[in-house]
Amino acid sequence: MLFYISDCEAQGGETVFYDGDERKELCRVPPTPGSALVFPQGAKGRLHASGAVRAGAKWVLRSDLAFAEQ
């Protein structure tokens, strides 16, 4: 989970999701203060990265939930 705390004055810092190894961009999620982004990581998740912050500062709170299946 990512909790967006600050925006980047609308200049970058999006979370970018890609389709597999092709690096085909699927979507960009802007860092809107007060919003949260929840997505799976690891083998079941999508490749993702942070876009460059071109102005201001990007502040996020990241949290992971880990569990083992039996």
N, C-alpha and C. Protein backbone atom coordinates (compact mmCIF):
# COMPACT_ATOMS: atom_id res chain seq x y z
N MET A 1 0.84 -1.18 0.00
CA MET A 1 0.00 0.00 0.00
C MET A 1 0.88 1.23 0.00
N LEU A 2 0.46 2.21 -0.75
CA LEU A 2 1.09 3.52 -0.72
C LEU A 2 0.04 4.54 -0.30
N PHE A 3 0.36 5.32 0.69
CA PHE A 3 -0.49 6.44 1.10
C PHE A 3 0.22 7.71 0.66
N TYR A 4 -0.42 8.47 -0.20
CA TYR A 4 0.18 9.71 -0.70
C TYR A 4 -0.06 10.83 0.31
N ILE A 5 1.01 11.43 0.77
CA ILE A 5 0.93 12.48 1.78
C ILE A 5 1.05 13.86 1.15
N SER A 6 1.85 13.98 0.10
CA SER A 6 2.02 15.27 -0.56
C SER A 6 1.86 15.10 -2.05
N ASP A 7 1.56 16.20 -2.73
CA ASP A 7 1.59 16.14 -4.18
C ASP A 7 2.91 16.75 -4.65
N CYS A 8 3.18 16.68 -5.89
CA CYS A 8 4.43 17.22 -6.42
C CYS A 8 4.13 18.47 -7.22
N GLU A 9 3.21 19.26 -6.70
CA GLU A 9 2.76 20.44 -7.42
C GLU A 9 2.38 20.06 -8.85
N ALA A 10 1.77 18.88 -8.98
CA ALA A 10 1.31 18.33 -10.26
C ALA A 10 2.43 18.19 -11.27
N GLN A 11 3.65 17.97 -10.80
CA GLN A 11 4.77 17.82 -11.73
C GLN A 11 5.55 16.55 -11.45
N GLY A 12 5.01 15.44 -11.89
CA GLY A 12 5.71 14.17 -11.79
C GLY A 12 5.40 13.39 -10.53
N GLY A 13 6.18 12.32 -10.32
CA GLY A 13 6.03 11.48 -9.15
C GLY A 13 4.93 10.45 -9.25
N GLU A 14 4.37 10.25 -10.44
CA GLU A 14 3.30 9.26 -10.58
C GLU A 14 3.84 7.85 -10.33
N THR A 15 2.97 6.95 -9.88
CA THR A 15 3.31 5.53 -9.83
C THR A 15 2.90 4.96 -11.18
N VAL A 16 3.86 4.38 -11.88
CA VAL A 16 3.64 3.89 -13.24
C VAL A 16 3.60 2.37 -13.23
N PHE A 17 2.55 1.79 -13.82
CA PHE A 17 2.42 0.34 -13.92
C PHE A 17 2.68 -0.09 -15.36
N TYR A 18 3.38 -1.24 -15.51
CA TYR A 18 3.76 -1.77 -16.81
C TYR A 18 3.17 -3.16 -17.02
N ASP A 19 3.03 -3.55 -18.28
CA ASP A 19 2.53 -4.86 -18.65
C ASP A 19 3.70 -5.81 -18.89
N GLY A 20 3.99 -6.65 -17.93
CA GLY A 20 5.01 -7.68 -18.07
C GLY A 20 6.40 -7.16 -18.38
N ASP A 21 7.16 -7.97 -19.08
CA ASP A 21 8.54 -7.63 -19.41
C ASP A 21 8.64 -6.68 -20.59
N GLU A 22 7.53 -6.43 -21.27
CA GLU A 22 7.56 -5.59 -22.46
C GLU A 22 7.76 -4.11 -22.12
N ARG A 23 7.57 -3.76 -20.86
CA ARG A 23 7.66 -2.37 -20.41
C ARG A 23 6.63 -1.49 -21.12
N LYS A 24 5.51 -2.10 -21.52
CA LYS A 24 4.41 -1.33 -22.10
C LYS A 24 3.66 -0.68 -20.95
N GLU A 25 3.58 0.63 -20.98
CA GLU A 25 2.94 1.36 -19.89
C GLU A 25 1.43 1.11 -19.90
N LEU A 26 0.89 0.71 -18.73
CA LEU A 26 -0.55 0.49 -18.59
C LEU A 26 -1.26 1.72 -18.06
N CYS A 27 -0.71 2.30 -16.98
CA CYS A 27 -1.35 3.47 -16.40
C CYS A 27 -0.39 4.22 -15.48
N ARG A 28 -0.76 5.46 -15.18
CA ARG A 28 -0.02 6.31 -14.25
C ARG A 28 -0.99 6.80 -13.19
N VAL A 29 -0.59 6.68 -11.93
CA VAL A 29 -1.42 7.14 -10.82
C VAL A 29 -0.74 8.35 -10.21
N PRO A 30 -1.38 9.54 -10.29
CA PRO A 30 -0.76 10.74 -9.74
C PRO A 30 -0.75 10.71 -8.21
N PRO A 31 0.25 11.32 -7.59
CA PRO A 31 0.33 11.35 -6.12
C PRO A 31 -0.60 12.40 -5.53
N THR A 32 -1.87 12.05 -5.37
CA THR A 32 -2.87 12.97 -4.84
C THR A 32 -2.90 12.86 -3.32
N PRO A 33 -2.66 13.95 -2.59
CA PRO A 33 -2.64 13.88 -1.13
C PRO A 33 -3.95 13.31 -0.56
N GLY A 34 -3.82 12.40 0.40
CA GLY A 34 -4.97 11.79 1.04
C GLY A 34 -5.47 10.54 0.35
N SER A 35 -4.88 10.18 -0.78
CA SER A 35 -5.32 8.96 -1.47
C SER A 35 -4.39 7.80 -1.14
N ALA A 36 -4.88 6.60 -1.41
CA ALA A 36 -4.09 5.39 -1.17
C ALA A 36 -4.12 4.53 -2.42
N LEU A 37 -3.04 3.82 -2.63
CA LEU A 37 -2.93 2.92 -3.77
C LEU A 37 -2.60 1.54 -3.21
N VAL A 38 -3.48 0.57 -3.48
CA VAL A 38 -3.30 -0.80 -2.98
C VAL A 38 -3.16 -1.72 -4.19
N PHE A 39 -2.08 -2.51 -4.20
CA PHE A 39 -1.85 -3.41 -5.32
C PHE A 39 -0.98 -4.56 -4.87
N PRO A 40 -1.09 -5.73 -5.52
CA PRO A 40 -0.27 -6.88 -5.15
C PRO A 40 1.16 -6.71 -5.63
N GLN A 41 2.09 -7.27 -4.88
CA GLN A 41 3.50 -7.26 -5.24
C GLN A 41 3.94 -8.69 -5.55
N GLY A 42 5.15 -8.86 -5.99
CA GLY A 42 5.70 -10.19 -6.22
C GLY A 42 5.16 -10.83 -7.48
N ALA A 43 5.08 -12.16 -7.47
CA ALA A 43 4.70 -12.92 -8.66
C ALA A 43 3.29 -12.57 -9.15
N LYS A 44 2.40 -12.18 -8.26
CA LYS A 44 1.03 -11.86 -8.65
C LYS A 44 0.84 -10.39 -8.99
N GLY A 45 1.86 -9.60 -8.80
CA GLY A 45 1.75 -8.16 -9.03
C GLY A 45 2.24 -7.74 -10.40
N ARG A 46 2.10 -6.47 -10.67
CA ARG A 46 2.58 -5.87 -11.92
C ARG A 46 3.89 -5.15 -11.68
N LEU A 47 4.71 -5.10 -12.71
CA LEU A 47 5.91 -4.30 -12.67
C LEU A 47 5.51 -2.84 -12.52
N HIS A 48 6.16 -2.12 -11.61
CA HIS A 48 5.80 -0.72 -11.39
C HIS A 48 7.05 0.07 -10.98
N ALA A 49 6.94 1.37 -11.11
CA ALA A 49 8.05 2.26 -10.76
C ALA A 49 7.49 3.64 -10.46
N SER A 50 8.31 4.45 -9.83
CA SER A 50 7.93 5.83 -9.56
C SER A 50 8.44 6.70 -10.70
N GLY A 51 7.57 7.56 -11.20
CA GLY A 51 7.99 8.54 -12.20
C GLY A 51 8.86 9.59 -11.54
N ALA A 52 9.67 10.25 -12.32
CA ALA A 52 10.57 11.29 -11.80
C ALA A 52 9.77 12.46 -11.22
N VAL A 53 10.21 12.93 -10.07
CA VAL A 53 9.61 14.12 -9.46
C VAL A 53 10.32 15.32 -10.07
N ARG A 54 9.56 16.14 -10.79
CA ARG A 54 10.16 17.28 -11.50
C ARG A 54 10.08 18.58 -10.71
N ALA A 55 9.24 18.62 -9.68
CA ALA A 55 9.14 19.81 -8.84
C ALA A 55 8.60 19.40 -7.49
N GLY A 56 9.02 20.09 -6.44
CA GLY A 56 8.53 19.80 -5.10
C GLY A 56 9.12 18.52 -4.53
N ALA A 57 8.39 17.91 -3.62
CA ALA A 57 8.82 16.67 -2.97
C ALA A 57 7.65 15.70 -2.94
N LYS A 58 7.95 14.43 -3.11
CA LYS A 58 6.93 13.38 -3.03
C LYS A 58 7.10 12.67 -1.70
N TRP A 59 6.06 12.70 -0.88
CA TRP A 59 6.07 12.00 0.41
C TRP A 59 5.00 10.93 0.38
N VAL A 60 5.40 9.70 0.69
CA VAL A 60 4.46 8.59 0.77
C VAL A 60 4.72 7.80 2.04
N LEU A 61 3.70 7.13 2.50
CA LEU A 61 3.84 6.17 3.59
C LEU A 61 3.59 4.81 2.94
N ARG A 62 4.55 3.92 3.05
CA ARG A 62 4.44 2.60 2.44
C ARG A 62 4.23 1.55 3.53
N SER A 63 3.33 0.64 3.26
CA SER A 63 3.06 -0.44 4.20
C SER A 63 2.94 -1.75 3.42
N ASP A 64 3.48 -2.82 3.98
CA ASP A 64 3.39 -4.13 3.36
C ASP A 64 2.63 -5.07 4.29
N LEU A 65 1.85 -5.94 3.71
CA LEU A 65 1.18 -6.98 4.45
C LEU A 65 1.71 -8.30 3.92
N ALA A 66 2.32 -9.08 4.78
CA ALA A 66 2.91 -10.35 4.36
C ALA A 66 2.24 -11.49 5.11
N PHE A 67 1.96 -12.56 4.38
CA PHE A 67 1.38 -13.75 5.01
C PHE A 67 1.78 -14.97 4.20
N ALA A 68 1.68 -16.12 4.82
CA ALA A 68 2.01 -17.38 4.16
C ALA A 68 0.75 -18.21 4.04
N GLU A 69 0.56 -18.82 2.87
CA GLU A 69 -0.57 -19.71 2.67
C GLU A 69 -0.20 -21.10 3.16
N GLN A 70 -1.17 -21.80 3.73
CA GLN A 70 -0.91 -23.16 4.21
C GLN A 70 -1.63 -24.18 3.37
